[in-house]
Amino acid sequence: MTRLPDSGDGALVLVLTGEFDNGTVVPFGRALSEARAAPAVRTIIDVSRVAYADSGLLRLLLEGHRRLPRFTVAGPLPPQLRRLLTFSGAVGTLRIAPDVDAARRA
């Protein structure tokens, strides 16, 4: 996970890369907790580089949606993550943008 530098628009952008399961989501969970302590104008999670995700990542995305202002998942969504979000029903709950630039404009 990488935090992008502030571009001056008040957005916190986290880029997720690799595999995310219950055993590997801890750093992302910490980053979301830190974001709650000092909320940004908007929070954008770039998932375009996620190779694998399970319920651990899904849980944190839904938690971020509930607790952080203007929380947006930015794609393009990898096929496996799209299936997870679709089958769980989260695709209808989360704000999803085609990419980070679109999320910044939303």
PDB file of N, CA and C in Angstrom:
ATOM      1  N   MET A   1       0.846  -1.169   0.000  1.00  0.00           N
ATOM      2  CA  MET A   1       0.000   0.000   0.000  1.00  0.00           C
ATOM      3  C   MET A   1       0.891   1.231   0.000  1.00  0.00           C
ATOM      4  N   THR A   2       0.486   2.207  -0.818  1.00  0.00           N
ATOM      5  CA  THR A   2       1.216   3.459  -0.932  1.00  0.00           C
ATOM      6  C   THR A   2       0.253   4.614  -0.754  1.00  0.00           C
ATOM      7  N   ARG A   3       0.712   5.630  -0.043  1.00  0.00           N
ATOM      8  CA  ARG A   3      -0.078   6.862   0.095  1.00  0.00           C
ATOM      9  C   ARG A   3       0.498   7.869  -0.895  1.00  0.00           C
ATOM     10  N   LEU A   4      -0.352   8.366  -1.801  1.00  0.00           N
ATOM     11  CA  LEU A   4       0.114   9.345  -2.778  1.00  0.00           C
ATOM     12  C   LEU A   4       0.299  10.708  -2.113  1.00  0.00           C
ATOM     13  N   PRO A   5       1.254  11.495  -2.594  1.00  0.00           N
ATOM     14  CA  PRO A   5       1.453  12.840  -2.039  1.00  0.00           C
ATOM     15  C   PRO A   5       0.216  13.706  -2.236  1.00  0.00           C
ATOM     16  N   ASP A   6       0.031  14.649  -1.342  1.00  0.00           N
ATOM     17  CA  ASP A   6      -1.100  15.572  -1.417  1.00  0.00           C
ATOM     18  C   ASP A   6      -0.983  16.401  -2.694  1.00  0.00           C
ATOM     19  N   SER A   7      -2.042  16.419  -3.477  1.00  0.00           N
ATOM     20  CA  SER A   7      -2.030  17.193  -4.725  1.00  0.00           C
ATOM     21  C   SER A   7      -2.700  18.555  -4.549  1.00  0.00           C
ATOM     22  N   GLY A   8      -3.041  18.882  -3.309  1.00  0.00           N
ATOM     23  CA  GLY A   8      -3.649  20.177  -3.044  1.00  0.00           C
ATOM     24  C   GLY A   8      -5.164  20.190  -3.096  1.00  0.00           C
ATOM     25  N   ASP A   9      -5.788  19.042  -3.364  1.00  0.00           N
ATOM     26  CA  ASP A   9      -7.247  19.011  -3.448  1.00  0.00           C
ATOM     27  C   ASP A   9      -7.905  18.459  -2.185  1.00  0.00           C
ATOM     28  N   GLY A  10      -7.114  18.175  -1.158  1.00  0.00           N
ATOM     29  CA  GLY A  10      -7.662  17.688   0.098  1.00  0.00           C
ATOM     30  C   GLY A  10      -8.001  16.212   0.105  1.00  0.00           C
ATOM     31  N   ALA A  11      -7.579  15.474  -0.920  1.00  0.00           N
ATOM     32  CA  ALA A  11      -7.886  14.042  -0.999  1.00  0.00           C
ATOM     33  C   ALA A  11      -6.746  13.210  -0.433  1.00  0.00           C
ATOM     34  N   LEU A  12      -7.112  12.207   0.327  1.00  0.00           N
ATOM     35  CA  LEU A  12      -6.175  11.170   0.755  1.00  0.00           C
ATOM     36  C   LEU A  12      -6.315  10.043  -0.260  1.00  0.00           C
ATOM     37  N   VAL A  13      -5.233   9.689  -0.942  1.00  0.00           N
ATOM     38  CA  VAL A  13      -5.280   8.629  -1.942  1.00  0.00           C
ATOM     39  C   VAL A  13      -4.350   7.505  -1.501  1.00  0.00           C
ATOM     40  N   LEU A  14      -4.929   6.329  -1.303  1.00  0.00           N
ATOM     41  CA  LEU A  14      -4.174   5.128  -0.965  1.00  0.00           C
ATOM     42  C   LEU A  14      -4.218   4.181  -2.154  1.00  0.00           C
ATOM     43  N   VAL A  15      -3.054   3.704  -2.588  1.00  0.00           N
ATOM     44  CA  VAL A  15      -2.955   2.780  -3.709  1.00  0.00           C
ATOM     45  C   VAL A  15      -2.658   1.397  -3.154  1.00  0.00           C
ATOM     46  N   LEU A  16      -3.562   0.466  -3.401  1.00  0.00           N
ATOM     47  CA  LEU A  16      -3.385  -0.913  -2.939  1.00  0.00           C
ATOM     48  C   LEU A  16      -2.763  -1.729  -4.058  1.00  0.00           C
ATOM     49  N   THR A  17      -1.741  -2.504  -3.712  1.00  0.00           N
ATOM     50  CA  THR A  17      -1.030  -3.317  -4.690  1.00  0.00           C
ATOM     51  C   THR A  17      -0.820  -4.716  -4.122  1.00  0.00           C
ATOM     52  N   GLY A  18      -1.135  -5.732  -4.922  1.00  0.00           N
ATOM     53  CA  GLY A  18      -0.868  -7.108  -4.504  1.00  0.00           C
ATOM     54  C   GLY A  18      -2.089  -7.831  -3.995  1.00  0.00           C
ATOM     55  N   GLU A  19      -1.847  -8.725  -3.043  1.00  0.00           N
ATOM     56  CA  GLU A  19      -2.901  -9.589  -2.508  1.00  0.00           C
ATOM     57  C   GLU A  19      -3.338  -9.107  -1.140  1.00  0.00           C
ATOM     58  N   PHE A  20      -4.660  -9.116  -0.921  1.00  0.00           N
ATOM     59  CA  PHE A  20      -5.228  -8.667   0.341  1.00  0.00           C
ATOM     60  C   PHE A  20      -6.190  -9.720   0.871  1.00  0.00           C
ATOM     61  N   ASP A  21      -5.792 -10.328   1.975  1.00  0.00           N
ATOM     62  CA  ASP A  21      -6.664 -11.272   2.663  1.00  0.00           C
ATOM     63  C   ASP A  21      -6.636 -10.924   4.147  1.00  0.00           C
ATOM     64  N   ASN A  22      -7.312 -11.720   4.965  1.00  0.00           N
ATOM     65  CA  ASN A  22      -7.399 -11.416   6.389  1.00  0.00           C
ATOM     66  C   ASN A  22      -6.034 -11.282   7.043  1.00  0.00           C
ATOM     67  N   GLY A  23      -5.024 -11.959   6.518  1.00  0.00           N
ATOM     68  CA  GLY A  23      -3.695 -11.890   7.100  1.00  0.00           C
ATOM     69  C   GLY A  23      -2.846 -10.732   6.614  1.00  0.00           C
ATOM     70  N   THR A  24      -3.238 -10.088   5.523  1.00  0.00           N
ATOM     71  CA  THR A  24      -2.375  -9.044   4.952  1.00  0.00           C
ATOM     72  C   THR A  24      -3.027  -7.665   4.876  1.00  0.00           C
ATOM     73  N   VAL A  25      -4.219  -7.502   5.418  1.00  0.00           N
ATOM     74  CA  VAL A  25      -4.901  -6.208   5.339  1.00  0.00           C
ATOM     75  C   VAL A  25      -4.558  -5.268   6.492  1.00  0.00           C
ATOM     76  N   VAL A  26      -3.748  -5.732   7.426  1.00  0.00           N
ATOM     77  CA  VAL A  26      -3.462  -4.932   8.628  1.00  0.00           C
ATOM     78  C   VAL A  26      -2.928  -3.533   8.301  1.00  0.00           C
ATOM     79  N   PRO A  27      -1.933  -3.370   7.409  1.00  0.00           N
ATOM     80  CA  PRO A  27      -1.467  -2.008   7.118  1.00  0.00           C
ATOM     81  C   PRO A  27      -2.571  -1.113   6.535  1.00  0.00           C
ATOM     82  N   PHE A  28      -3.422  -1.671   5.707  1.00  0.00           N
ATOM     83  CA  PHE A  28      -4.529  -0.894   5.155  1.00  0.00           C
ATOM     84  C   PHE A  28      -5.498  -0.499   6.268  1.00  0.00           C
ATOM     85  N   GLY A  29      -5.783  -1.414   7.171  1.00  0.00           N
ATOM     86  CA  GLY A  29      -6.649  -1.105   8.310  1.00  0.00           C
ATOM     87  C   GLY A  29      -6.084   0.014   9.165  1.00  0.00           C
ATOM     88  N   ARG A  30      -4.764  -0.019   9.393  1.00  0.00           N
ATOM     89  CA  ARG A  30      -4.111   1.052  10.151  1.00  0.00           C
ATOM     90  C   ARG A  30      -4.237   2.394   9.430  1.00  0.00           C
ATOM     91  N   ALA A  31      -4.042   2.369   8.115  1.00  0.00           N
ATOM     92  CA  ALA A  31      -4.140   3.608   7.330  1.00  0.00           C
ATOM     93  C   ALA A  31      -5.554   4.190   7.417  1.00  0.00           C
ATOM     94  N   LEU A  32      -6.564   3.340   7.395  1.00  0.00           N
ATOM     95  CA  LEU A  32      -7.944   3.825   7.527  1.00  0.00           C
ATOM     96  C   LEU A  32      -8.188   4.406   8.913  1.00  0.00           C
ATOM     97  N   SER A  33      -7.623   3.777   9.940  1.00  0.00           N
ATOM     98  CA  SER A  33      -7.759   4.309  11.302  1.00  0.00           C
ATOM     99  C   SER A  33      -7.103   5.678  11.414  1.00  0.00           C
ATOM    100  N   GLU A  34      -5.931   5.829  10.822  1.00  0.00           N
ATOM    101  CA  GLU A  34      -5.245   7.125  10.815  1.00  0.00           C
ATOM    102  C   GLU A  34      -6.070   8.158  10.056  1.00  0.00           C
ATOM    103  N   ALA A  35      -6.701   7.740   8.980  1.00  0.00           N
ATOM    104  CA  ALA A  35      -7.533   8.656   8.193  1.00  0.00           C
ATOM    105  C   ALA A  35      -8.740   9.120   9.007  1.00  0.00           C
ATOM    106  N   ARG A  36      -9.286   8.259   9.833  1.00  0.00           N
ATOM    107  CA  ARG A  36     -10.412   8.659  10.683  1.00  0.00           C
ATOM    108  C   ARG A  36      -9.974   9.688  11.720  1.00  0.00           C
ATOM    109  N   ALA A  37      -8.731   9.592  12.190  1.00  0.00           N
ATOM    110  CA  ALA A  37      -8.231  10.512  13.200  1.00  0.00           C
ATOM    111  C   ALA A  37      -8.011  11.918  12.620  1.00  0.00           C
ATOM    112  N   ALA A  38      -7.644  11.998  11.360  1.00  0.00           N
ATOM    113  CA  ALA A  38      -7.402  13.283  10.694  1.00  0.00           C
ATOM    114  C   ALA A  38      -8.058  13.230   9.324  1.00  0.00           C
ATOM    115  N   PRO A  39      -9.397  13.325   9.284  1.00  0.00           N
ATOM    116  CA  PRO A  39     -10.112  13.117   8.022  1.00  0.00           C
ATOM    117  C   PRO A  39      -9.748  14.119   6.931  1.00  0.00           C
ATOM    118  N   ALA A  40      -9.627  13.594   5.735  1.00  0.00           N
ATOM    119  CA  ALA A  40      -9.401  14.406   4.545  1.00  0.00           C
ATOM    120  C   ALA A  40     -10.758  14.831   3.987  1.00  0.00           C
ATOM    121  N   VAL A  41     -10.739  15.708   3.011  1.00  0.00           N
ATOM    122  CA  VAL A  41     -11.973  16.134   2.342  1.00  0.00           C
ATOM    123  C   VAL A  41     -12.625  14.939   1.660  1.00  0.00           C
ATOM    124  N   ARG A  42     -11.800  14.072   1.100  1.00  0.00           N
ATOM    125  CA  ARG A  42     -12.275  12.840   0.462  1.00  0.00           C
ATOM    126  C   ARG A  42     -11.190  11.789   0.625  1.00  0.00           C
ATOM    127  N   THR A  43     -11.605  10.539   0.602  1.00  0.00           N
ATOM    128  CA  THR A  43     -10.671   9.414   0.688  1.00  0.00           C
ATOM    129  C   THR A  43     -10.876   8.557  -0.543  1.00  0.00           C
ATOM    130  N   ILE A  44      -9.776   8.316  -1.264  1.00  0.00           N
ATOM    131  CA  ILE A  44      -9.825   7.532  -2.502  1.00  0.00           C
ATOM    132  C   ILE A  44      -8.929   6.320  -2.336  1.00  0.00           C
ATOM    133  N   ILE A  45      -9.479   5.151  -2.622  1.00  0.00           N
ATOM    134  CA  ILE A  45      -8.719   3.911  -2.553  1.00  0.00           C
ATOM    135  C   ILE A  45      -8.574   3.371  -3.965  1.00  0.00           C
ATOM    136  N   ASP A  46      -7.352   3.414  -4.474  1.00  0.00           N
ATOM    137  CA  ASP A  46      -7.055   2.916  -5.822  1.00  0.00           C
ATOM    138  C   ASP A  46      -6.830   1.407  -5.725  1.00  0.00           C
ATOM    139  N   VAL A  47      -7.732   0.642  -6.318  1.00  0.00           N
ATOM    140  CA  VAL A  47      -7.660  -0.826  -6.255  1.00  0.00           C
ATOM    141  C   VAL A  47      -7.244  -1.439  -7.591  1.00  0.00           C
ATOM    142  N   SER A  48      -6.818  -0.622  -8.524  1.00  0.00           N
ATOM    143  CA  SER A  48      -6.521  -1.115  -9.873  1.00  0.00           C
ATOM    144  C   SER A  48      -5.382  -2.123  -9.913  1.00  0.00           C
ATOM    145  N   ARG A  49      -4.550  -2.161  -8.868  1.00  0.00           N
ATOM    146  CA  ARG A  49      -3.401  -3.082  -8.837  1.00  0.00           C
ATOM    147  C   ARG A  49      -3.590  -4.236  -7.854  1.00  0.00           C
ATOM    148  N   VAL A  50      -4.819  -4.462  -7.411  1.00  0.00           N
ATOM    149  CA  VAL A  50      -5.087  -5.562  -6.492  1.00  0.00           C
ATOM    150  C   VAL A  50      -5.141  -6.859  -7.282  1.00  0.00           C
ATOM    151  N   ALA A  51      -4.278  -7.809  -6.913  1.00  0.00           N
ATOM    152  CA  ALA A  51      -4.237  -9.104  -7.598  1.00  0.00           C
ATOM    153  C   ALA A  51      -5.232 -10.094  -7.009  1.00  0.00           C
ATOM    154  N   TYR A  52      -5.489  -9.974  -5.714  1.00  0.00           N
ATOM    155  CA  TYR A  52      -6.411 -10.881  -5.037  1.00  0.00           C
ATOM    156  C   TYR A  52      -6.988 -10.150  -3.834  1.00  0.00           C
ATOM    157  N   ALA A  53      -8.264 -10.387  -3.554  1.00  0.00           N
ATOM    158  CA  ALA A  53      -8.911  -9.804  -2.377  1.00  0.00           C
ATOM    159  C   ALA A  53      -9.923 -10.790  -1.828  1.00  0.00           C
ATOM    160  N   ASP A  54     -10.025 -10.821  -0.498  1.00  0.00           N
ATOM    161  CA  ASP A  54     -11.059 -11.652   0.116  1.00  0.00           C
ATOM    162  C   ASP A  54     -11.878 -10.782   1.069  1.00  0.00           C
ATOM    163  N   SER A  55     -12.604 -11.422   1.959  1.00  0.00           N
ATOM    164  CA  SER A  55     -13.513 -10.699   2.844  1.00  0.00           C
ATOM    165  C   SER A  55     -12.792  -9.713   3.755  1.00  0.00           C
ATOM    166  N   GLY A  56     -11.495  -9.914   4.008  1.00  0.00           N
ATOM    167  CA  GLY A  56     -10.755  -8.966   4.843  1.00  0.00           C
ATOM    168  C   GLY A  56     -10.710  -7.592   4.196  1.00  0.00           C
ATOM    169  N   LEU A  57     -10.408  -7.538   2.917  1.00  0.00           N
ATOM    170  CA  LEU A  57     -10.393  -6.255   2.214  1.00  0.00           C
ATOM    171  C   LEU A  57     -11.811  -5.717   2.061  1.00  0.00           C
ATOM    172  N   LEU A  58     -12.740  -6.571   1.729  1.00  0.00           N
ATOM    173  CA  LEU A  58     -14.139  -6.156   1.596  1.00  0.00           C
ATOM    174  C   LEU A  58     -14.628  -5.494   2.877  1.00  0.00           C
ATOM    175  N   ARG A  59     -14.334  -6.094   4.011  1.00  0.00           N
ATOM    176  CA  ARG A  59     -14.754  -5.549   5.309  1.00  0.00           C
ATOM    177  C   ARG A  59     -14.187  -4.141   5.517  1.00  0.00           C
ATOM    178  N   LEU A  60     -12.907  -3.947   5.197  1.00  0.00           N
ATOM    179  CA  LEU A  60     -12.292  -2.633   5.392  1.00  0.00           C
ATOM    180  C   LEU A  60     -12.830  -1.599   4.413  1.00  0.00           C
ATOM    181  N   LEU A  61     -13.108  -2.009   3.183  1.00  0.00           N
ATOM    182  CA  LEU A  61     -13.706  -1.066   2.229  1.00  0.00           C
ATOM    183  C   LEU A  61     -15.082  -0.601   2.713  1.00  0.00           C
ATOM    184  N   LEU A  62     -15.872  -1.522   3.226  1.00  0.00           N
ATOM    185  CA  LEU A  62     -17.200  -1.151   3.721  1.00  0.00           C
ATOM    186  C   LEU A  62     -17.092  -0.290   4.976  1.00  0.00           C
ATOM    187  N   GLU A  63     -16.123  -0.590   5.826  1.00  0.00           N
ATOM    188  CA  GLU A  63     -15.899   0.230   7.025  1.00  0.00           C
ATOM    189  C   GLU A  63     -15.490   1.651   6.626  1.00  0.00           C
ATOM    190  N   GLY A  64     -14.588   1.758   5.668  1.00  0.00           N
ATOM    191  CA  GLY A  64     -14.182   3.075   5.182  1.00  0.00           C
ATOM    192  C   GLY A  64     -15.366   3.846   4.622  1.00  0.00           C
ATOM    193  N   HIS A  65     -16.213   3.166   3.877  1.00  0.00           N
ATOM    194  CA  HIS A  65     -17.414   3.783   3.308  1.00  0.00           C
ATOM    195  C   HIS A  65     -18.305   4.364   4.409  1.00  0.00           C
ATOM    196  N   ARG A  66     -18.436   3.629   5.495  1.00  0.00           N
ATOM    197  CA  ARG A  66     -19.301   4.067   6.598  1.00  0.00           C
ATOM    198  C   ARG A  66     -18.684   5.215   7.402  1.00  0.00           C
ATOM    199  N   ARG A  67     -17.367   5.240   7.529  1.00  0.00           N
ATOM    200  CA  ARG A  67     -16.746   6.139   8.502  1.00  0.00           C
ATOM    201  C   ARG A  67     -15.970   7.320   7.945  1.00  0.00           C
ATOM    202  N   LEU A  68     -15.667   7.304   6.664  1.00  0.00           N
ATOM    203  CA  LEU A  68     -14.834   8.373   6.108  1.00  0.00           C
ATOM    204  C   LEU A  68     -15.611   9.211   5.093  1.00  0.00           C
ATOM    205  N   PRO A  69     -15.348  10.516   5.064  1.00  0.00           N
ATOM    206  CA  PRO A  69     -16.079  11.389   4.148  1.00  0.00           C
ATOM    207  C   PRO A  69     -15.726  11.127   2.691  1.00  0.00           C
ATOM    208  N   ARG A  70     -16.752  11.121   1.872  1.00  0.00           N
ATOM    209  CA  ARG A  70     -16.597  10.988   0.416  1.00  0.00           C
ATOM    210  C   ARG A  70     -15.622   9.862   0.052  1.00  0.00           C
ATOM    211  N   PHE A  71     -15.823   8.717   0.636  1.00  0.00           N
ATOM    212  CA  PHE A  71     -14.983   7.543   0.421  1.00  0.00           C
ATOM    213  C   PHE A  71     -15.295   6.951  -0.951  1.00  0.00           C
ATOM    214  N   THR A  72     -14.267   6.804  -1.776  1.00  0.00           N
ATOM    215  CA  THR A  72     -14.466   6.301  -3.133  1.00  0.00           C
ATOM    216  C   THR A  72     -13.441   5.232  -3.455  1.00  0.00           C
ATOM    217  N   VAL A  73     -13.898   4.155  -4.056  1.00  0.00           N
ATOM    218  CA  VAL A  73     -13.019   3.108  -4.578  1.00  0.00           C
ATOM    219  C   VAL A  73     -12.772   3.438  -6.045  1.00  0.00           C
ATOM    220  N   ALA A  74     -11.495   3.530  -6.419  1.00  0.00           N
ATOM    221  CA  ALA A  74     -11.137   3.884  -7.789  1.00  0.00           C
ATOM    222  C   ALA A  74     -10.567   2.683  -8.517  1.00  0.00           C
ATOM    223  N   GLY A  75     -11.022   2.480  -9.730  1.00  0.00           N
ATOM    224  CA  GLY A  75     -10.580   1.361 -10.549  1.00  0.00           C
ATOM    225  C   GLY A  75      -9.579   1.788 -11.579  1.00  0.00           C
ATOM    226  N   PRO A  76      -9.543   1.062 -12.650  1.00  0.00           N
ATOM    227  CA  PRO A  76     -10.502   0.022 -13.007  1.00  0.00           C
ATOM    228  C   PRO A  76     -10.415  -1.173 -12.060  1.00  0.00           C
ATOM    229  N   LEU A  77     -11.587  -1.733 -11.765  1.00  0.00           N
ATOM    230  CA  LEU A  77     -11.653  -2.871 -10.855  1.00  0.00           C
ATOM    231  C   LEU A  77     -11.067  -4.111 -11.520  1.00  0.00           C
ATOM    232  N   PRO A  78     -10.102  -4.762 -10.861  1.00  0.00           N
ATOM    233  CA  PRO A  78      -9.612  -6.043 -11.369  1.00  0.00           C
ATOM    234  C   PRO A  78     -10.760  -7.061 -11.376  1.00  0.00           C
ATOM    235  N   PRO A  79     -10.760  -8.010 -12.311  1.00  0.00           N
ATOM    236  CA  PRO A  79     -11.884  -8.958 -12.429  1.00  0.00           C
ATOM    237  C   PRO A  79     -12.223  -9.696 -11.133  1.00  0.00           C
ATOM    238  N   GLN A  80     -11.230 -10.168 -10.406  1.00  0.00           N
ATOM    239  CA  GLN A  80     -11.509 -10.919  -9.179  1.00  0.00           C
ATOM    240  C   GLN A  80     -12.166 -10.024  -8.135  1.00  0.00           C
ATOM    241  N   LEU A  81     -11.697  -8.794  -7.999  1.00  0.00           N
ATOM    242  CA  LEU A  81     -12.291  -7.872  -7.030  1.00  0.00           C
ATOM    243  C   LEU A  81     -13.692  -7.465  -7.477  1.00  0.00           C
ATOM    244  N   ARG A  82     -13.892  -7.277  -8.757  1.00  0.00           N
ATOM    245  CA  ARG A  82     -15.236  -6.961  -9.262  1.00  0.00           C
ATOM    246  C   ARG A  82     -16.220  -8.082  -8.900  1.00  0.00           C
ATOM    247  N   ARG A  83     -15.791  -9.336  -9.074  1.00  0.00           N
ATOM    248  CA  ARG A  83     -16.667 -10.464  -8.707  1.00  0.00           C
ATOM    249  C   ARG A  83     -16.992 -10.442  -7.214  1.00  0.00           C
ATOM    250  N   LEU A  84     -15.979 -10.204  -6.373  1.00  0.00           N
ATOM    251  CA  LEU A  84     -16.194 -10.154  -4.927  1.00  0.00           C
ATOM    252  C   LEU A  84     -17.195  -9.058  -4.567  1.00  0.00           C
ATOM    253  N   LEU A  85     -17.007  -7.884  -5.125  1.00  0.00           N
ATOM    254  CA  LEU A  85     -17.911  -6.778  -4.818  1.00  0.00           C
ATOM    255  C   LEU A  85     -19.318  -7.030  -5.356  1.00  0.00           C
ATOM    256  N   THR A  86     -19.411  -7.671  -6.511  1.00  0.00           N
ATOM    257  CA  THR A  86     -20.714  -7.972  -7.101  1.00  0.00           C
ATOM    258  C   THR A  86     -21.446  -9.038  -6.300  1.00  0.00           C
ATOM    259  N   PHE A  87     -20.773 -10.161  -6.026  1.00  0.00           N
ATOM    260  CA  PHE A  87     -21.424 -11.267  -5.315  1.00  0.00           C
ATOM    261  C   PHE A  87     -21.805 -10.891  -3.886  1.00  0.00           C
ATOM    262  N   SER A  88     -21.042  -9.996  -3.266  1.00  0.00           N
ATOM    263  CA  SER A  88     -21.335  -9.598  -1.888  1.00  0.00           C
ATOM    264  C   SER A  88     -22.412  -8.518  -1.825  1.00  0.00           C
ATOM    265  N   GLY A  89     -22.701  -7.889  -2.951  1.00  0.00           N
ATOM    266  CA  GLY A  89     -23.654  -6.792  -2.978  1.00  0.00           C
ATOM    267  C   GLY A  89     -23.011  -5.435  -2.689  1.00  0.00           C
ATOM    268  N   ALA A  90     -21.714  -5.431  -2.410  1.00  0.00           N
ATOM    269  CA  ALA A  90     -21.018  -4.189  -2.069  1.00  0.00           C
ATOM    270  C   ALA A  90     -20.909  -3.239  -3.256  1.00  0.00           C
ATOM    271  N   VAL A  91     -20.996  -3.768  -4.470  1.00  0.00           N
ATOM    272  CA  VAL A  91     -20.901  -2.906  -5.650  1.00  0.00           C
ATOM    273  C   VAL A  91     -22.043  -1.894  -5.674  1.00  0.00           C
ATOM    274  N   GLY A  92     -23.160  -2.220  -5.056  1.00  0.00           N
ATOM    275  CA  GLY A  92     -24.281  -1.292  -4.976  1.00  0.00           C
ATOM    276  C   GLY A  92     -24.203  -0.349  -3.790  1.00  0.00           C
ATOM    277  N   THR A  93     -23.273  -0.606  -2.878  1.00  0.00           N
ATOM    278  CA  THR A  93     -23.122   0.208  -1.674  1.00  0.00           C
ATOM    279  C   THR A  93     -21.974   1.208  -1.805  1.00  0.00           C
ATOM    280  N   LEU A  94     -20.840   0.732  -2.289  1.00  0.00           N
ATOM    281  CA  LEU A  94     -19.643   1.561  -2.389  1.00  0.00           C
ATOM    282  C   LEU A  94     -19.748   2.567  -3.529  1.00  0.00           C
ATOM    283  N   ARG A  95     -19.162   3.717  -3.346  1.00  0.00           N
ATOM    284  CA  ARG A  95     -19.004   4.676  -4.441  1.00  0.00           C
ATOM    285  C   ARG A  95     -17.780   4.214  -5.224  1.00  0.00           C
ATOM    286  N   ILE A  96     -17.963   3.892  -6.504  1.00  0.00           N
ATOM    287  CA  ILE A  96     -16.884   3.365  -7.338  1.00  0.00           C
ATOM    288  C   ILE A  96     -16.706   4.285  -8.542  1.00  0.00           C
ATOM    289  N   ALA A  97     -15.460   4.703  -8.747  1.00  0.00           N
ATOM    290  CA  ALA A  97     -15.118   5.561  -9.890  1.00  0.00           C
ATOM    291  C   ALA A  97     -14.231   4.773 -10.840  1.00  0.00           C
ATOM    292  N   PRO A  98     -14.252   5.127 -12.123  1.00  0.00           N
ATOM    293  CA  PRO A  98     -13.449   4.379 -13.093  1.00  0.00           C
ATOM    294  C   PRO A  98     -11.944   4.470 -12.851  1.00  0.00           C
ATOM    295  N   ASP A  99     -11.493   5.587 -12.253  1.00  0.00           N
ATOM    296  CA  ASP A  99     -10.065   5.755 -11.977  1.00  0.00           C
ATOM    297  C   ASP A  99      -9.891   6.865 -10.929  1.00  0.00           C
ATOM    298  N   VAL A 100      -8.664   7.114 -10.525  1.00  0.00           N
ATOM    299  CA  VAL A 100      -8.392   8.108  -9.480  1.00  0.00           C
ATOM    300  C   VAL A 100      -8.778   9.510  -9.950  1.00  0.00           C
ATOM    301  N   ASP A 101      -8.483   9.848 -11.188  1.00  0.00           N
ATOM    302  CA  ASP A 101      -8.837  11.189 -11.674  1.00  0.00           C
ATOM    303  C   ASP A 101     -10.343  11.430 -11.601  1.00  0.00           C
ATOM    304  N   ALA A 102     -11.122  10.440 -11.997  1.00  0.00           N
ATOM    305  CA  ALA A 102     -12.588  10.579 -11.913  1.00  0.00           C
ATOM    306  C   ALA A 102     -13.041  10.680 -10.469  1.00  0.00           C
ATOM    307  N   ALA A 103     -12.400   9.941  -9.573  1.00  0.00           N
ATOM    308  CA  ALA A 103     -12.738  10.007  -8.151  1.00  0.00           C
ATOM    309  C   ALA A 103     -12.449  11.387  -7.582  1.00  0.00           C
ATOM    310  N   ARG A 104     -11.354  11.988  -8.031  1.00  0.00           N
ATOM    311  CA  ARG A 104     -11.010  13.336  -7.560  1.00  0.00           C
ATOM    312  C   ARG A 104     -12.057  14.356  -8.025  1.00  0.00           C
ATOM    313  N   ARG A 105     -12.626  14.159  -9.198  1.00  0.00           N
ATOM    314  CA  ARG A 105     -13.616  15.103  -9.759  1.00  0.00           C
ATOM    315  C   ARG A 105     -15.010  14.890  -9.177  1.00  0.00           C
ATOM    316  N   ALA A 106     -15.271  13.716  -8.638  1.00  0.00           N
ATOM    317  CA  ALA A 106     -16.628  13.385  -8.161  1.00  0.00           C
ATOM    318  C   ALA A 106     -17.033  14.218  -6.948  1.00  0.00           C
TER     319      ALA A 106
END
